[in-house]
Amino acid sequence: MTVSRRAVLAATLAAPGLAQAQTWPSGPIRIIVPFAAGGSTDAVARISTPGLTQRLGVPVVVENRSGAAGSLGTGAVATARPDGNTWLLTFDSHATLPALLPNLPFNLTGDLDPVLLIGGAPYVIAVRPDKPYRTLADIVTAARAAPDAINYGSTGNGTLGHLTMVLLAARTGTRMAHLPYRGGGLAVNDTVAGHVEMMIGSAALVAPQIAAGNLRPVVQFGPERLPALRDVPTAIESGFPGLEAEAWWGVFAPHGTPAAMQERMGLALKESFSDERVHRTMTETQQARVVLGGPEVLRAFLDRQIATWGAVVTENRVQAD
């Protein structure tokens, strides 16, 4: 049997990457979270690291690089060496970056390879228990009575929480002041402290404070009620059909990271999040719907998210901080 020159060339080019993949991992692995510590993305990343460390046999550390709607940390991964030592675990605002920051120094879909869609959780508007808002109608009524007087915190400009409030304001003809934070934990702290009137965040982010009685959920933006928030109506039930927003978390690799490394990392992530204790933490503590979809699932999902929320950014002229 003869071997074509093309096949020989392909094998020669693949050999270094294959050899590198076979010896990987040989040192610490970084998971970059492009948001400040204390938010749901940070929590999801740190939930996974013990299992990853055990399965990969090397230390796996989380590094927070916040700023510019998540583009700073994302860019650090997009331009990192594709050697399997750097990975991105990011949040829903990932899909809004092309519309929000059209001059990104990297290509969102070309410079990052999808690895795993971990799952998602609906957005929730939450307030301190001493605030008067008990329904979405209460918020709309108050906003109509005093334009721009009511403020709300979110996990950042251009995140799905912010864009959901933009849609709500557009559909109700109201105006509310937006206070973007560099991380979910900061937004939660200021809401609990009474520095902001209300906040919108993923159910994963606000669940601990709701359970502790420090925040009261007003409305959730999933397609149906979460079991843990069965007394909290959805926006659809509150008279806003089609107004849905779910936070999500996904893992990406620098483009060109050898396929064998991506497959092994994806498998280690799936096994870590499938662990009974971790899965229970995700579904009960983080209020997440665990998906664990592979590269093609994440790729198709991201394309839809870019199209949907990019249009909201463009149509409402949302700008980065």
C-alpha atoms as a PDB file:
ATOM      1  CA  MET A   1       0.000   0.000   0.000  1.00  0.00           C
ATOM      2  CA  THR A   2       1.423   3.353  -0.988  1.00  0.00           C
ATOM      3  CA  VAL A   3       1.178   6.380   1.245  1.00  0.00           C
ATOM      4  CA  SER A   4       0.494   9.719  -0.390  1.00  0.00           C
ATOM      5  CA  ARG A   5       2.783  12.681   0.146  1.00  0.00           C
ATOM      6  CA  ARG A   6      -0.230  14.588   1.553  1.00  0.00           C
ATOM      7  CA  ALA A   7      -0.727  11.912   4.229  1.00  0.00           C
ATOM      8  CA  VAL A   8       2.949  11.946   5.126  1.00  0.00           C
ATOM      9  CA  LEU A   9       2.923  15.744   5.386  1.00  0.00           C
ATOM     10  CA  ALA A  10      -0.192  15.715   7.572  1.00  0.00           C
ATOM     11  CA  ALA A  11       1.336  13.120   9.870  1.00  0.00           C
ATOM     12  CA  THR A  12       4.553  15.125  10.119  1.00  0.00           C
ATOM     13  CA  LEU A  13       2.698  18.322  11.039  1.00  0.00           C
ATOM     14  CA  ALA A  14       0.520  16.526  13.573  1.00  0.00           C
ATOM     15  CA  ALA A  15       3.373  14.707  15.278  1.00  0.00           C
ATOM     16  CA  PRO A  16       4.563  17.549  17.577  1.00  0.00           C
ATOM     17  CA  GLY A  17       1.017  18.300  18.723  1.00  0.00           C
ATOM     18  CA  LEU A  18       0.331  14.602  19.297  1.00  0.00           C
ATOM     19  CA  ALA A  19       3.509  14.137  21.311  1.00  0.00           C
ATOM     20  CA  GLN A  20       2.694  17.229  23.365  1.00  0.00           C
ATOM     21  CA  ALA A  21      -0.840  15.975  23.987  1.00  0.00           C
ATOM     22  CA  GLN A  22       0.451  12.595  25.147  1.00  0.00           C
ATOM     23  CA  THR A  23       2.619  14.203  27.832  1.00  0.00           C
ATOM     24  CA  TRP A  24      -0.064  16.675  28.911  1.00  0.00           C
ATOM     25  CA  PRO A  25      -0.627  17.798  31.590  1.00  0.00           C
ATOM     26  CA  SER A  26       2.855  18.228  32.986  1.00  0.00           C
ATOM     27  CA  GLY A  27       2.330  21.290  35.160  1.00  0.00           C
ATOM     28  CA  PRO A  28      -0.304  23.555  36.751  1.00  0.00           C
ATOM     29  CA  ILE A  29      -3.391  24.430  34.724  1.00  0.00           C
ATOM     30  CA  ARG A  30      -5.052  27.853  34.849  1.00  0.00           C
ATOM     31  CA  ILE A  31      -8.772  28.396  34.474  1.00  0.00           C
ATOM     32  CA  ILE A  32      -9.286  32.081  33.816  1.00  0.00           C
ATOM     33  CA  VAL A  33     -12.583  33.578  34.972  1.00  0.00           C
ATOM     34  CA  PRO A  34     -13.066  37.015  33.360  1.00  0.00           C
ATOM     35  CA  PHE A  35     -14.973  38.392  36.355  1.00  0.00           C
ATOM     36  CA  ALA A  36     -14.201  39.304  39.950  1.00  0.00           C
ATOM     37  CA  ALA A  37     -14.261  36.729  42.714  1.00  0.00           C
ATOM     38  CA  GLY A  38     -17.560  36.147  44.497  1.00  0.00           C
ATOM     39  CA  GLY A  39     -19.866  35.852  41.486  1.00  0.00           C
ATOM     40  CA  SER A  40     -21.549  32.768  40.097  1.00  0.00           C
ATOM     41  CA  THR A  41     -18.914  32.218  37.385  1.00  0.00           C
ATOM     42  CA  ASP A  42     -16.167  32.240  39.985  1.00  0.00           C
ATOM     43  CA  ALA A  43     -18.191  29.837  42.144  1.00  0.00           C
ATOM     44  CA  VAL A  44     -18.838  27.424  39.270  1.00  0.00           C
ATOM     45  CA  ALA A  45     -15.143  27.413  38.363  1.00  0.00           C
ATOM     46  CA  ARG A  46     -14.029  26.734  41.926  1.00  0.00           C
ATOM     47  CA  ILE A  47     -16.598  23.953  42.326  1.00  0.00           C
ATOM     48  CA  SER A  48     -14.880  22.100  39.487  1.00  0.00           C
ATOM     49  CA  THR A  49     -11.231  22.440  40.504  1.00  0.00           C
ATOM     50  CA  PRO A  50     -10.953  19.673  43.154  1.00  0.00           C
ATOM     51  CA  GLY A  51     -12.316  17.120  40.716  1.00  0.00           C
ATOM     52  CA  LEU A  52     -10.164  18.389  37.872  1.00  0.00           C
ATOM     53  CA  THR A  53      -7.050  18.289  40.031  1.00  0.00           C
ATOM     54  CA  GLN A  54      -7.841  14.704  41.004  1.00  0.00           C
ATOM     55  CA  ARG A  55      -8.575  13.566  37.453  1.00  0.00           C
ATOM     56  CA  LEU A  56      -5.749  15.388  35.682  1.00  0.00           C
ATOM     57  CA  GLY A  57      -3.115  14.829  38.358  1.00  0.00           C
ATOM     58  CA  VAL A  58      -1.844  18.427  38.453  1.00  0.00           C
ATOM     59  CA  PRO A  59      -2.910  21.558  40.349  1.00  0.00           C
ATOM     60  CA  VAL A  60      -5.816  23.383  38.702  1.00  0.00           C
ATOM     61  CA  VAL A  61      -6.130  26.992  39.812  1.00  0.00           C
ATOM     62  CA  VAL A  62      -8.732  29.692  39.152  1.00  0.00           C
ATOM     63  CA  GLU A  63      -7.456  33.109  38.129  1.00  0.00           C
ATOM     64  CA  ASN A  64      -9.849  36.085  38.153  1.00  0.00           C
ATOM     65  CA  ARG A  65      -9.203  38.708  35.459  1.00  0.00           C
ATOM     66  CA  SER A  66     -12.126  41.108  35.455  1.00  0.00           C
ATOM     67  CA  GLY A  67     -12.794  44.213  33.404  1.00  0.00           C
ATOM     68  CA  ALA A  68     -14.271  45.494  30.133  1.00  0.00           C
ATOM     69  CA  ALA A  69     -17.391  43.297  30.256  1.00  0.00           C
ATOM     70  CA  GLY A  70     -15.249  40.202  30.557  1.00  0.00           C
ATOM     71  CA  SER A  71     -13.149  40.943  27.480  1.00  0.00           C
ATOM     72  CA  LEU A  72      -9.863  41.357  29.378  1.00  0.00           C
ATOM     73  CA  GLY A  73      -9.813  37.849  30.782  1.00  0.00           C
ATOM     74  CA  THR A  74     -11.297  36.426  27.592  1.00  0.00           C
ATOM     75  CA  GLY A  75      -8.609  38.118  25.530  1.00  0.00           C
ATOM     76  CA  ALA A  76      -5.911  36.693  27.771  1.00  0.00           C
ATOM     77  CA  VAL A  77      -7.094  33.191  26.886  1.00  0.00           C
ATOM     78  CA  ALA A  78      -7.704  33.976  23.206  1.00  0.00           C
ATOM     79  CA  THR A  79      -4.074  35.059  22.849  1.00  0.00           C
ATOM     80  CA  ALA A  80      -2.540  32.427  25.147  1.00  0.00           C
ATOM     81  CA  ARG A  81      -0.332  29.637  23.863  1.00  0.00           C
ATOM     82  CA  PRO A  82      -2.507  26.678  22.845  1.00  0.00           C
ATOM     83  CA  ASP A  83      -0.576  24.291  25.073  1.00  0.00           C
ATOM     84  CA  GLY A  84      -3.414  23.101  27.313  1.00  0.00           C
ATOM     85  CA  ASN A  85      -2.272  25.132  30.300  1.00  0.00           C
ATOM     86  CA  THR A  86      -4.822  27.956  29.954  1.00  0.00           C
ATOM     87  CA  TRP A  87      -8.609  27.650  29.726  1.00  0.00           C
ATOM     88  CA  LEU A  88     -11.537  30.045  29.911  1.00  0.00           C
ATOM     89  CA  LEU A  89     -14.618  29.498  32.050  1.00  0.00           C
ATOM     90  CA  THR A  90     -16.982  32.314  31.228  1.00  0.00           C
ATOM     91  CA  PHE A  91     -20.490  33.635  31.538  1.00  0.00           C
ATOM     92  CA  ASP A  92     -23.392  34.759  29.356  1.00  0.00           C
ATOM     93  CA  SER A  93     -21.868  38.174  28.547  1.00  0.00           C
ATOM     94  CA  HIS A  94     -19.407  36.272  26.363  1.00  0.00           C
ATOM     95  CA  ALA A  95     -22.055  36.240  23.632  1.00  0.00           C
ATOM     96  CA  THR A  96     -22.564  40.010  23.718  1.00  0.00           C
ATOM     97  CA  LEU A  97     -18.897  40.964  23.314  1.00  0.00           C
ATOM     98  CA  PRO A  98     -18.874  41.264  19.475  1.00  0.00           C
ATOM     99  CA  ALA A  99     -21.819  43.690  19.507  1.00  0.00           C
ATOM    100  CA  LEU A 100     -20.827  45.492  22.691  1.00  0.00           C
ATOM    101  CA  LEU A 101     -17.139  45.876  21.774  1.00  0.00           C
ATOM    102  CA  PRO A 102     -16.903  45.807  17.975  1.00  0.00           C
ATOM    103  CA  ASN A 103     -13.164  46.573  18.064  1.00  0.00           C
ATOM    104  CA  LEU A 104     -12.184  43.528  20.088  1.00  0.00           C
ATOM    105  CA  PRO A 105      -8.509  42.670  19.564  1.00  0.00           C
ATOM    106  CA  PHE A 106      -9.467  39.021  19.121  1.00  0.00           C
ATOM    107  CA  ASN A 107     -12.068  37.016  17.238  1.00  0.00           C
ATOM    108  CA  LEU A 108     -14.584  35.516  19.646  1.00  0.00           C
ATOM    109  CA  THR A 109     -15.378  32.440  17.584  1.00  0.00           C
ATOM    110  CA  GLY A 110     -12.141  32.159  15.640  1.00  0.00           C
ATOM    111  CA  ASP A 111      -9.637  32.478  18.484  1.00  0.00           C
ATOM    112  CA  LEU A 112     -11.442  30.297  21.017  1.00  0.00           C
ATOM    113  CA  ASP A 113     -12.494  26.668  20.670  1.00  0.00           C
ATOM    114  CA  PRO A 114     -15.671  25.528  22.474  1.00  0.00           C
ATOM    115  CA  VAL A 115     -15.100  22.713  24.958  1.00  0.00           C
ATOM    116  CA  LEU A 116     -18.140  22.306  27.230  1.00  0.00           C
ATOM    117  CA  LEU A 117     -21.499  23.955  27.918  1.00  0.00           C
ATOM    118  CA  ILE A 118     -21.808  23.404  31.671  1.00  0.00           C
ATOM    119  CA  GLY A 119     -25.383  24.611  32.152  1.00  0.00           C
ATOM    120  CA  GLY A 120     -27.463  27.617  33.071  1.00  0.00           C
ATOM    121  CA  ALA A 121     -29.781  29.300  35.543  1.00  0.00           C
ATOM    122  CA  PRO A 122     -32.568  31.865  35.068  1.00  0.00           C
ATOM    123  CA  TYR A 123     -32.080  35.492  35.926  1.00  0.00           C
ATOM    124  CA  VAL A 124     -33.893  36.793  38.992  1.00  0.00           C
ATOM    125  CA  ILE A 125     -34.722  40.296  40.226  1.00  0.00           C
ATOM    126  CA  ALA A 126     -34.107  40.404  43.972  1.00  0.00           C
ATOM    127  CA  VAL A 127     -34.568  43.107  46.600  1.00  0.00           C
ATOM    128  CA  ARG A 128     -33.973  43.542  50.311  1.00  0.00           C
ATOM    129  CA  PRO A 129     -36.928  42.307  52.373  1.00  0.00           C
ATOM    130  CA  ASP A 130     -37.659  45.862  53.549  1.00  0.00           C
ATOM    131  CA  LYS A 131     -38.175  47.141  49.985  1.00  0.00           C
ATOM    132  CA  PRO A 132     -41.783  47.615  48.808  1.00  0.00           C
ATOM    133  CA  TYR A 133     -41.489  45.632  45.559  1.00  0.00           C
ATOM    134  CA  ARG A 134     -43.273  42.287  45.691  1.00  0.00           C
ATOM    135  CA  THR A 135     -44.205  41.841  42.032  1.00  0.00           C
ATOM    136  CA  LEU A 136     -42.861  42.883  38.670  1.00  0.00           C
ATOM    137  CA  ALA A 137     -45.895  45.153  38.361  1.00  0.00           C
ATOM    138  CA  ASP A 138     -44.771  46.973  41.520  1.00  0.00           C
ATOM    139  CA  ILE A 139     -41.392  47.698  39.929  1.00  0.00           C
ATOM    140  CA  VAL A 140     -42.937  48.919  36.670  1.00  0.00           C
ATOM    141  CA  THR A 141     -45.424  51.137  38.515  1.00  0.00           C
ATOM    142  CA  ALA A 142     -42.683  52.717  40.622  1.00  0.00           C
ATOM    143  CA  ALA A 143     -40.446  53.254  37.583  1.00  0.00           C
ATOM    144  CA  ARG A 144     -43.264  54.965  35.694  1.00  0.00           C
ATOM    145  CA  ALA A 145     -43.976  57.235  38.631  1.00  0.00           C
ATOM    146  CA  ALA A 146     -40.338  58.309  39.024  1.00  0.00           C
ATOM    147  CA  PRO A 147     -38.246  57.899  35.850  1.00  0.00           C
ATOM    148  CA  ASP A 148     -34.555  57.233  36.576  1.00  0.00           C
ATOM    149  CA  ALA A 149     -35.155  57.449  40.335  1.00  0.00           C
ATOM    150  CA  ILE A 150     -35.036  53.674  40.819  1.00  0.00           C
ATOM    151  CA  ASN A 151     -31.694  52.017  40.292  1.00  0.00           C
ATOM    152  CA  TYR A 152     -30.641  48.422  39.892  1.00  0.00           C
ATOM    153  CA  GLY A 153     -27.334  46.605  39.997  1.00  0.00           C
ATOM    154  CA  SER A 154     -26.138  43.981  37.558  1.00  0.00           C
ATOM    155  CA  THR A 155     -23.006  41.942  37.006  1.00  0.00           C
ATOM    156  CA  GLY A 156     -21.863  44.344  34.311  1.00  0.00           C
ATOM    157  CA  ASN A 157     -22.717  46.382  31.267  1.00  0.00           C
ATOM    158  CA  GLY A 158     -23.898  44.184  28.436  1.00  0.00           C
ATOM    159  CA  THR A 159     -24.522  41.103  30.547  1.00  0.00           C
ATOM    160  CA  LEU A 160     -27.823  39.358  30.008  1.00  0.00           C
ATOM    161  CA  GLY A 161     -29.130  40.737  33.300  1.00  0.00           C
ATOM    162  CA  HIS A 162     -28.538  44.298  32.115  1.00  0.00           C
ATOM    163  CA  LEU A 163     -29.984  43.556  28.669  1.00  0.00           C
ATOM    164  CA  THR A 164     -33.053  41.945  30.240  1.00  0.00           C
ATOM    165  CA  MET A 165     -33.727  45.151  32.161  1.00  0.00           C
ATOM    166  CA  VAL A 166     -33.176  47.137  28.966  1.00  0.00           C
ATOM    167  CA  LEU A 167     -35.840  45.014  27.264  1.00  0.00           C
ATOM    168  CA  LEU A 168     -38.178  45.400  30.232  1.00  0.00           C
ATOM    169  CA  ALA A 169     -37.780  49.191  30.149  1.00  0.00           C
ATOM    170  CA  ALA A 170     -38.387  49.274  26.394  1.00  0.00           C
ATOM    171  CA  ARG A 171     -41.536  47.185  26.654  1.00  0.00           C
ATOM    172  CA  THR A 172     -42.973  49.225  29.535  1.00  0.00           C
ATOM    173  CA  GLY A 173     -41.832  52.698  28.503  1.00  0.00           C
ATOM    174  CA  THR A 174     -39.927  53.172  31.753  1.00  0.00           C
ATOM    175  CA  ARG A 175     -36.448  54.322  32.710  1.00  0.00           C
ATOM    176  CA  MET A 176     -34.336  52.926  35.525  1.00  0.00           C
ATOM    177  CA  ALA A 177     -30.748  53.777  36.423  1.00  0.00           C
ATOM    178  CA  HIS A 178     -28.274  50.978  35.770  1.00  0.00           C
ATOM    179  CA  LEU A 179     -25.350  50.418  38.129  1.00  0.00           C
ATOM    180  CA  PRO A 180     -22.932  47.930  36.534  1.00  0.00           C
ATOM    181  CA  TYR A 181     -20.575  46.005  38.806  1.00  0.00           C
ATOM    182  CA  ARG A 182     -17.381  44.189  37.889  1.00  0.00           C
ATOM    183  CA  GLY A 183     -18.635  40.995  39.500  1.00  0.00           C
ATOM    184  CA  GLY A 184     -21.772  39.439  40.873  1.00  0.00           C
ATOM    185  CA  GLY A 185     -20.535  39.301  44.447  1.00  0.00           C
ATOM    186  CA  LEU A 186     -20.112  43.071  44.515  1.00  0.00           C
ATOM    187  CA  ALA A 187     -23.642  43.636  43.226  1.00  0.00           C
ATOM    188  CA  VAL A 188     -25.056  41.252  45.830  1.00  0.00           C
ATOM    189  CA  ASN A 189     -23.169  42.919  48.673  1.00  0.00           C
ATOM    190  CA  ASP A 190     -24.417  46.402  47.778  1.00  0.00           C
ATOM    191  CA  THR A 191     -27.989  45.185  47.384  1.00  0.00           C
ATOM    192  CA  VAL A 192     -27.948  43.454  50.761  1.00  0.00           C
ATOM    193  CA  ALA A 193     -26.416  46.590  52.279  1.00  0.00           C
ATOM    194  CA  GLY A 194     -29.155  48.771  50.770  1.00  0.00           C
ATOM    195  CA  HIS A 195     -26.862  50.813  48.536  1.00  0.00           C
ATOM    196  CA  VAL A 196     -28.931  49.900  45.462  1.00  0.00           C
ATOM    197  CA  GLU A 197     -32.690  49.517  45.178  1.00  0.00           C
ATOM    198  CA  MET A 198     -32.636  46.090  43.556  1.00  0.00           C
ATOM    199  CA  MET A 199     -30.443  43.806  41.495  1.00  0.00           C
ATOM    200  CA  ILE A 200     -30.764  41.338  38.686  1.00  0.00           C
ATOM    201  CA  GLY A 201     -28.550  38.274  38.751  1.00  0.00           C
ATOM    202  CA  SER A 202     -28.629  34.588  38.020  1.00  0.00           C
ATOM    203  CA  ALA A 203     -30.495  32.353  40.421  1.00  0.00           C
ATOM    204  CA  ALA A 204     -27.093  30.839  41.161  1.00  0.00           C
ATOM    205  CA  LEU A 205     -25.802  34.210  42.301  1.00  0.00           C
ATOM    206  CA  VAL A 206     -28.708  35.281  44.502  1.00  0.00           C
ATOM    207  CA  ALA A 207     -29.765  31.876  45.889  1.00  0.00           C
ATOM    208  CA  PRO A 208     -27.510  31.940  48.998  1.00  0.00           C
ATOM    209  CA  GLN A 209     -28.780  35.367  50.051  1.00  0.00           C
ATOM    210  CA  ILE A 210     -32.378  34.385  49.355  1.00  0.00           C
ATOM    211  CA  ALA A 211     -31.931  31.272  51.491  1.00  0.00           C
ATOM    212  CA  ALA A 212     -30.425  33.399  54.265  1.00  0.00           C
ATOM    213  CA  GLY A 213     -33.344  35.815  54.160  1.00  0.00           C
ATOM    214  CA  ASN A 214     -31.183  38.750  53.097  1.00  0.00           C
ATOM    215  CA  LEU A 215     -32.847  39.108  49.701  1.00  0.00           C
ATOM    216  CA  ARG A 216     -36.390  38.527  48.458  1.00  0.00           C
ATOM    217  CA  PRO A 217     -36.934  37.286  44.881  1.00  0.00           C
ATOM    218  CA  VAL A 218     -39.511  39.257  42.913  1.00  0.00           C
ATOM    219  CA  VAL A 219     -39.554  37.623  39.479  1.00  0.00           C
ATOM    220  CA  GLN A 220     -37.599  34.993  37.571  1.00  0.00           C
ATOM    221  CA  PHE A 221     -36.880  34.994  33.837  1.00  0.00           C
ATOM    222  CA  GLY A 222     -36.742  31.300  33.008  1.00  0.00           C
ATOM    223  CA  PRO A 223     -39.298  29.530  30.794  1.00  0.00           C
ATOM    224  CA  GLU A 224     -40.804  27.968  33.944  1.00  0.00           C
ATOM    225  CA  ARG A 225     -40.462  28.271  37.711  1.00  0.00           C
ATOM    226  CA  LEU A 226     -37.460  26.773  39.436  1.00  0.00           C
ATOM    227  CA  PRO A 227     -38.390  24.152  42.055  1.00  0.00           C
ATOM    228  CA  ALA A 228     -36.543  26.196  44.690  1.00  0.00           C
ATOM    229  CA  LEU A 229     -38.456  29.336  43.659  1.00  0.00           C
ATOM    230  CA  ARG A 230     -41.844  27.764  43.110  1.00  0.00           C
ATOM    231  CA  ASP A 231     -43.624  30.742  44.708  1.00  0.00           C
ATOM    232  CA  VAL A 232     -41.885  33.276  42.456  1.00  0.00           C
ATOM    233  CA  PRO A 233     -43.647  33.935  39.119  1.00  0.00           C
ATOM    234  CA  THR A 234     -41.852  34.093  35.812  1.00  0.00           C
ATOM    235  CA  ALA A 235     -41.870  37.229  33.676  1.00  0.00           C
ATOM    236  CA  ILE A 236     -44.057  35.337  31.225  1.00  0.00           C
ATOM    237  CA  GLU A 237     -46.621  34.688  33.967  1.00  0.00           C
ATOM    238  CA  SER A 238     -46.340  38.346  34.939  1.00  0.00           C
ATOM    239  CA  GLY A 239     -47.609  39.465  31.544  1.00  0.00           C
ATOM    240  CA  PHE A 240     -44.429  39.636  29.458  1.00  0.00           C
ATOM    241  CA  PRO A 241     -44.492  36.802  26.914  1.00  0.00           C
ATOM    242  CA  GLY A 242     -41.125  35.950  25.443  1.00  0.00           C
ATOM    243  CA  LEU A 243     -39.146  37.799  28.081  1.00  0.00           C
ATOM    244  CA  GLU A 244     -36.692  35.046  29.020  1.00  0.00           C
ATOM    245  CA  ALA A 245     -33.094  35.214  30.128  1.00  0.00           C
ATOM    246  CA  GLU A 246     -30.890  32.474  31.490  1.00  0.00           C
ATOM    247  CA  ALA A 247     -27.323  32.807  32.652  1.00  0.00           C
ATOM    248  CA  TRP A 248     -24.975  30.118  31.343  1.00  0.00           C
ATOM    249  CA  TRP A 249     -21.421  28.950  31.841  1.00  0.00           C
ATOM    250  CA  GLY A 250     -19.091  27.505  29.242  1.00  0.00           C
ATOM    251  CA  VAL A 251     -15.468  26.423  28.909  1.00  0.00           C
ATOM    252  CA  PHE A 252     -13.271  27.424  25.977  1.00  0.00           C
ATOM    253  CA  ALA A 253      -9.678  26.778  24.919  1.00  0.00           C
ATOM    254  CA  PRO A 254      -7.270  28.915  22.899  1.00  0.00           C
ATOM    255  CA  HIS A 255      -7.760  28.039  19.253  1.00  0.00           C
ATOM    256  CA  GLY A 256      -5.293  25.405  18.166  1.00  0.00           C
ATOM    257  CA  THR A 257      -5.147  23.604  21.477  1.00  0.00           C
ATOM    258  CA  PRO A 258      -4.605  19.962  20.431  1.00  0.00           C
ATOM    259  CA  ALA A 259      -7.847  18.030  20.086  1.00  0.00           C
ATOM    260  CA  ALA A 260      -6.605  15.312  22.435  1.00  0.00           C
ATOM    261  CA  MET A 261      -6.101  17.882  25.188  1.00  0.00           C
ATOM    262  CA  GLN A 262      -9.522  19.419  24.599  1.00  0.00           C
ATOM    263  CA  GLU A 263     -11.158  15.999  24.693  1.00  0.00           C
ATOM    264  CA  ARG A 264      -9.407  15.023  27.909  1.00  0.00           C
ATOM    265  CA  MET A 265     -10.227  18.342  29.573  1.00  0.00           C
ATOM    266  CA  GLY A 266     -13.841  18.074  28.425  1.00  0.00           C
ATOM    267  CA  LEU A 267     -14.106  14.553  29.841  1.00  0.00           C
ATOM    268  CA  ALA A 268     -12.520  15.635  33.148  1.00  0.00           C
ATOM    269  CA  LEU A 269     -14.982  18.532  33.377  1.00  0.00           C
ATOM    270  CA  LYS A 270     -17.952  16.275  32.651  1.00  0.00           C
ATOM    271  CA  GLU A 271     -16.851  13.777  35.259  1.00  0.00           C
ATOM    272  CA  SER A 272     -16.219  16.530  37.813  1.00  0.00           C
ATOM    273  CA  PHE A 273     -19.636  18.112  37.342  1.00  0.00           C
ATOM    274  CA  SER A 274     -21.292  14.672  37.286  1.00  0.00           C
ATOM    275  CA  ASP A 275     -19.898  13.854  40.724  1.00  0.00           C
ATOM    276  CA  GLU A 276     -22.881  13.465  43.048  1.00  0.00           C
ATOM    277  CA  ARG A 277     -21.760  16.127  45.501  1.00  0.00           C
ATOM    278  CA  VAL A 278     -20.816  18.639  42.811  1.00  0.00           C
ATOM    279  CA  HIS A 279     -23.998  17.978  40.834  1.00  0.00           C
ATOM    280  CA  ARG A 280     -26.076  18.529  43.966  1.00  0.00           C
ATOM    281  CA  THR A 281     -24.230  21.765  44.680  1.00  0.00           C
ATOM    282  CA  MET A 282     -24.910  22.958  41.142  1.00  0.00           C
ATOM    283  CA  THR A 283     -28.598  22.093  41.138  1.00  0.00           C
ATOM    284  CA  GLU A 284     -29.458  22.986  44.731  1.00  0.00           C
ATOM    285  CA  THR A 285     -26.996  25.656  45.858  1.00  0.00           C
ATOM    286  CA  GLN A 286     -26.354  27.225  42.451  1.00  0.00           C
ATOM    287  CA  GLN A 287     -29.909  26.599  41.183  1.00  0.00           C
ATOM    288  CA  ALA A 288     -28.466  25.538  37.837  1.00  0.00           C
ATOM    289  CA  ARG A 289     -29.740  23.308  35.088  1.00  0.00           C
ATOM    290  CA  VAL A 290     -26.721  21.099  34.346  1.00  0.00           C
ATOM    291  CA  VAL A 291     -26.293  20.365  30.618  1.00  0.00           C
ATOM    292  CA  LEU A 292     -22.688  19.163  30.073  1.00  0.00           C
ATOM    293  CA  GLY A 293     -22.954  19.560  26.316  1.00  0.00           C
ATOM    294  CA  GLY A 294     -19.841  18.997  24.222  1.00  0.00           C
ATOM    295  CA  PRO A 295     -18.098  21.279  21.701  1.00  0.00           C
ATOM    296  CA  GLU A 296     -20.770  21.154  19.006  1.00  0.00           C
ATOM    297  CA  VAL A 297     -23.543  21.786  21.529  1.00  0.00           C
ATOM    298  CA  LEU A 298     -21.688  24.807  22.906  1.00  0.00           C
ATOM    299  CA  ARG A 299     -20.835  26.092  19.426  1.00  0.00           C
ATOM    300  CA  ALA A 300     -24.475  26.000  18.252  1.00  0.00           C
ATOM    301  CA  PHE A 301     -25.725  27.466  21.529  1.00  0.00           C
ATOM    302  CA  LEU A 302     -23.209  30.320  21.391  1.00  0.00           C
ATOM    303  CA  ASP A 303     -24.182  31.169  17.810  1.00  0.00           C
ATOM    304  CA  ARG A 304     -27.822  31.525  18.886  1.00  0.00           C
ATOM    305  CA  GLN A 305     -26.902  33.628  21.911  1.00  0.00           C
ATOM    306  CA  ILE A 306     -24.735  35.956  19.805  1.00  0.00           C
ATOM    307  CA  ALA A 307     -27.583  36.490  17.348  1.00  0.00           C
ATOM    308  CA  THR A 308     -30.278  37.023  20.009  1.00  0.00           C
ATOM    309  CA  TRP A 309     -28.489  39.281  22.474  1.00  0.00           C
ATOM    310  CA  GLY A 310     -26.304  41.012  19.930  1.00  0.00           C
ATOM    311  CA  ALA A 311     -29.498  42.330  18.376  1.00  0.00           C
ATOM    312  CA  VAL A 312     -30.622  43.698  21.750  1.00  0.00           C
ATOM    313  CA  VAL A 313     -27.301  45.506  22.165  1.00  0.00           C
ATOM    314  CA  THR A 314     -27.491  47.000  18.671  1.00  0.00           C
ATOM    315  CA  GLU A 315     -31.176  47.938  18.668  1.00  0.00           C
ATOM    316  CA  ASN A 316     -30.972  49.635  22.064  1.00  0.00           C
ATOM    317  CA  ARG A 317     -27.553  51.197  21.459  1.00  0.00           C
ATOM    318  CA  VAL A 318     -26.070  49.643  24.567  1.00  0.00           C
ATOM    319  CA  GLN A 319     -22.473  50.691  25.045  1.00  0.00           C
ATOM    320  CA  ALA A 320     -19.621  49.296  27.069  1.00  0.00           C
ATOM    321  CA  ASP A 321     -18.541  51.050  30.244  1.00  0.00           C
END
